[in-house]
N, C-alpha and C. Protein backbone atom coordinates (compact mmCIF):
# COMPACT_ATOMS: atom_id res chain seq x y z
N MET A 1 121.86 58.82 127.37
CA MET A 1 120.65 58.00 127.37
C MET A 1 121.04 56.58 126.97
N ARG A 2 120.62 55.64 127.75
CA ARG A 2 120.89 54.24 127.47
C ARG A 2 119.56 53.52 127.23
N GLU A 3 119.61 52.44 126.48
CA GLU A 3 118.39 51.72 126.15
C GLU A 3 118.60 50.22 126.25
N PHE A 4 117.51 49.51 126.53
CA PHE A 4 117.48 48.07 126.42
C PHE A 4 116.07 47.69 125.99
N THR A 5 115.92 46.48 125.50
CA THR A 5 114.65 46.04 124.93
C THR A 5 114.01 44.97 125.80
N VAL A 6 112.70 45.11 126.01
CA VAL A 6 111.95 44.15 126.82
C VAL A 6 110.76 43.61 126.04
N ARG A 7 110.25 42.49 126.51
CA ARG A 7 109.04 41.92 125.92
C ARG A 7 108.17 41.38 127.05
N PHE A 8 106.87 41.65 126.94
CA PHE A 8 105.91 41.16 127.93
C PHE A 8 105.09 40.06 127.30
N ARG A 9 104.99 38.94 127.98
CA ARG A 9 104.26 37.80 127.46
C ARG A 9 102.89 37.63 128.11
N SER A 10 102.64 38.39 129.17
CA SER A 10 101.36 38.25 129.87
C SER A 10 101.04 39.52 130.65
N LEU A 11 99.83 39.60 131.12
CA LEU A 11 99.40 40.70 131.98
C LEU A 11 100.25 40.73 133.24
N ARG A 12 100.56 39.55 133.77
CA ARG A 12 101.38 39.46 134.98
C ARG A 12 102.78 40.04 134.75
N ASP A 13 103.34 39.83 133.56
CA ASP A 13 104.64 40.42 133.22
C ASP A 13 104.59 41.94 133.33
N VAL A 14 103.54 42.54 132.79
CA VAL A 14 103.41 44.00 132.84
C VAL A 14 103.28 44.45 134.29
N GLN A 15 102.48 43.76 135.08
CA GLN A 15 102.32 44.12 136.49
C GLN A 15 103.65 44.03 137.23
N ASP A 16 104.39 42.96 137.00
CA ASP A 16 105.68 42.79 137.66
C ASP A 16 106.69 43.85 137.21
N PHE A 17 106.70 44.14 135.92
CA PHE A 17 107.62 45.16 135.39
C PHE A 17 107.33 46.52 136.02
N VAL A 18 106.07 46.91 136.06
CA VAL A 18 105.69 48.21 136.65
C VAL A 18 106.08 48.26 138.13
N ALA A 19 105.87 47.17 138.84
CA ALA A 19 106.25 47.12 140.26
C ALA A 19 107.75 47.31 140.43
N LEU A 20 108.54 46.64 139.59
CA LEU A 20 109.99 46.80 139.66
C LEU A 20 110.43 48.20 139.25
N ALA A 21 109.82 48.73 138.20
CA ALA A 21 110.16 50.07 137.73
C ALA A 21 109.86 51.12 138.79
N SER A 22 108.81 50.90 139.55
CA SER A 22 108.41 51.86 140.59
C SER A 22 109.43 51.94 141.72
N ARG A 23 110.23 50.90 141.87
CA ARG A 23 111.23 50.87 142.95
C ARG A 23 112.58 51.47 142.56
N GLN A 24 112.75 51.83 141.30
CA GLN A 24 114.04 52.33 140.82
C GLN A 24 114.23 53.80 141.16
N THR A 25 115.49 54.19 141.32
CA THR A 25 115.82 55.58 141.62
C THR A 25 115.98 56.41 140.35
N VAL A 26 116.13 55.74 139.21
CA VAL A 26 116.24 56.44 137.93
C VAL A 26 114.90 56.39 137.22
N LYS A 27 114.68 57.35 136.34
CA LYS A 27 113.42 57.43 135.61
C LYS A 27 113.50 56.58 134.34
N LEU A 28 112.59 55.64 134.24
CA LEU A 28 112.53 54.74 133.09
C LEU A 28 111.37 55.14 132.19
N ARG A 29 111.60 55.07 130.88
CA ARG A 29 110.56 55.34 129.88
C ARG A 29 110.47 54.13 128.98
N VAL A 30 109.26 53.72 128.65
CA VAL A 30 109.04 52.58 127.77
C VAL A 30 108.44 53.11 126.48
N GLY A 31 108.99 52.68 125.35
CA GLY A 31 108.51 53.22 124.09
C GLY A 31 108.26 52.18 123.04
N GLY A 32 107.29 52.49 122.23
CA GLY A 32 106.99 51.68 121.06
C GLY A 32 107.47 52.42 119.84
N ASP A 33 106.77 52.23 118.75
CA ASP A 33 107.14 52.87 117.49
C ASP A 33 106.84 54.36 117.46
N ARG A 34 105.82 54.79 118.20
CA ARG A 34 105.37 56.17 118.08
C ARG A 34 105.65 57.07 119.28
N PHE A 35 105.58 56.54 120.49
CA PHE A 35 105.78 57.40 121.66
C PHE A 35 106.28 56.61 122.84
N GLN A 36 106.67 57.33 123.90
CA GLN A 36 107.16 56.73 125.13
C GLN A 36 106.25 57.10 126.29
N VAL A 37 106.19 56.19 127.28
CA VAL A 37 105.40 56.45 128.47
C VAL A 37 106.27 56.17 129.70
N ASN A 38 105.84 56.67 130.82
CA ASN A 38 106.51 56.41 132.08
C ASN A 38 106.41 54.92 132.39
N ALA A 39 107.52 54.30 132.74
CA ALA A 39 107.53 52.85 133.00
C ALA A 39 106.77 52.47 134.25
N THR A 40 106.41 53.43 135.08
CA THR A 40 105.64 53.13 136.28
C THR A 40 104.14 53.26 136.04
N SER A 41 103.76 53.53 134.80
CA SER A 41 102.35 53.69 134.45
C SER A 41 101.81 52.42 133.81
N PHE A 42 101.04 51.67 134.58
CA PHE A 42 100.44 50.44 134.09
C PHE A 42 99.57 50.72 132.86
N MET A 43 98.71 51.72 132.96
CA MET A 43 97.83 52.06 131.83
C MET A 43 98.62 52.61 130.65
N GLY A 44 99.68 53.35 130.93
CA GLY A 44 100.51 53.89 129.85
C GLY A 44 101.14 52.78 129.03
N ILE A 45 101.65 51.75 129.70
CA ILE A 45 102.27 50.64 128.99
C ILE A 45 101.24 49.92 128.12
N PHE A 46 100.00 49.80 128.61
CA PHE A 46 98.98 49.14 127.82
C PHE A 46 98.53 49.99 126.63
N ALA A 47 98.86 51.27 126.62
CA ALA A 47 98.57 52.10 125.45
C ALA A 47 99.55 51.77 124.31
N LEU A 48 100.64 51.10 124.65
CA LEU A 48 101.63 50.69 123.65
C LEU A 48 101.23 49.34 123.06
N ASN A 49 101.87 48.99 121.97
CA ASN A 49 101.65 47.68 121.37
C ASN A 49 102.54 46.67 122.10
N CYS A 50 101.99 46.00 123.10
CA CYS A 50 102.76 45.07 123.94
C CYS A 50 103.04 43.74 123.25
N ARG A 51 102.52 43.55 122.07
CA ARG A 51 102.80 42.30 121.34
C ARG A 51 104.19 42.32 120.72
N LYS A 52 104.77 43.50 120.62
CA LYS A 52 106.10 43.66 120.05
C LYS A 52 107.09 44.00 121.17
N PRO A 53 108.38 43.76 120.93
CA PRO A 53 109.37 44.21 121.92
C PRO A 53 109.31 45.73 122.07
N LEU A 54 109.55 46.21 123.28
CA LEU A 54 109.51 47.63 123.58
C LEU A 54 110.88 48.10 124.06
N ARG A 55 111.22 49.34 123.74
CA ARG A 55 112.49 49.92 124.18
C ARG A 55 112.30 50.63 125.51
N VAL A 56 113.22 50.38 126.42
CA VAL A 56 113.24 51.08 127.70
C VAL A 56 114.41 52.04 127.65
N SER A 57 114.14 53.32 127.87
CA SER A 57 115.17 54.35 127.87
C SER A 57 115.39 54.85 129.28
N VAL A 58 116.65 55.09 129.60
CA VAL A 58 116.98 55.56 130.94
C VAL A 58 118.26 56.39 130.87
N ASP A 59 118.28 57.47 131.62
CA ASP A 59 119.47 58.30 131.72
C ASP A 59 120.18 57.87 132.99
N CYS A 60 121.27 57.08 132.83
CA CYS A 60 121.95 56.52 133.99
C CYS A 60 123.41 56.23 133.67
N THR A 61 124.14 55.83 134.68
CA THR A 61 125.54 55.44 134.52
C THR A 61 125.60 53.99 134.04
N GLU A 62 126.79 53.56 133.63
CA GLU A 62 126.99 52.17 133.22
C GLU A 62 126.72 51.22 134.38
N GLU A 63 127.11 51.61 135.59
CA GLU A 63 126.88 50.77 136.77
C GLU A 63 125.38 50.62 137.04
N GLU A 64 124.65 51.72 136.94
CA GLU A 64 123.20 51.67 137.14
C GLU A 64 122.54 50.82 136.06
N LEU A 65 123.02 50.94 134.83
CA LEU A 65 122.48 50.14 133.73
C LEU A 65 122.71 48.65 133.99
N ALA A 66 123.89 48.30 134.46
CA ALA A 66 124.19 46.90 134.76
C ALA A 66 123.24 46.37 135.82
N GLN A 67 122.94 47.17 136.83
CA GLN A 67 122.01 46.75 137.87
C GLN A 67 120.59 46.61 137.31
N LEU A 68 120.20 47.53 136.44
CA LEU A 68 118.87 47.44 135.81
C LEU A 68 118.74 46.17 134.98
N MET A 69 119.81 45.80 134.28
CA MET A 69 119.78 44.60 133.46
C MET A 69 119.57 43.35 134.33
N VAL A 70 120.13 43.35 135.51
CA VAL A 70 119.92 42.24 136.44
C VAL A 70 118.47 42.26 136.94
N THR A 71 118.00 43.44 137.31
CA THR A 71 116.65 43.57 137.85
C THR A 71 115.59 43.15 136.84
N PHE A 72 115.76 43.55 135.60
CA PHE A 72 114.75 43.29 134.56
C PHE A 72 115.12 42.11 133.66
N ASP A 73 116.00 41.26 134.13
CA ASP A 73 116.52 40.15 133.33
C ASP A 73 115.44 39.29 132.68
N ARG A 74 114.38 38.99 133.40
CA ARG A 74 113.35 38.08 132.84
C ARG A 74 112.56 38.68 131.70
N PHE A 75 112.64 40.00 131.52
CA PHE A 75 111.89 40.68 130.46
C PHE A 75 112.77 41.02 129.25
N LEU A 76 114.08 40.87 129.38
CA LEU A 76 115.02 41.30 128.33
C LEU A 76 114.89 40.48 127.07
N VAL A 77 115.00 41.15 125.94
CA VAL A 77 115.06 40.51 124.64
C VAL A 77 116.54 40.44 124.27
N THR A 78 117.00 39.24 124.01
CA THR A 78 118.44 39.07 123.68
C THR A 78 118.65 38.85 122.23
């Protein structure tokens, strides 16, 4: 299981993130402090505290992770 951290600054960010997550071949999960939701679920992500950075978990290879980092670059917390 690999993880990276994202932050959403607007409603549009969440919409764009969900659209990108929906195109991936690997299953992404977004989690806050208490639980995780499917990254393709717009309503699920809004059930989380989007004011804080969120962890994205994915079961993938290093190569797939590198590609995900490029895809989700604008949302990454560094």
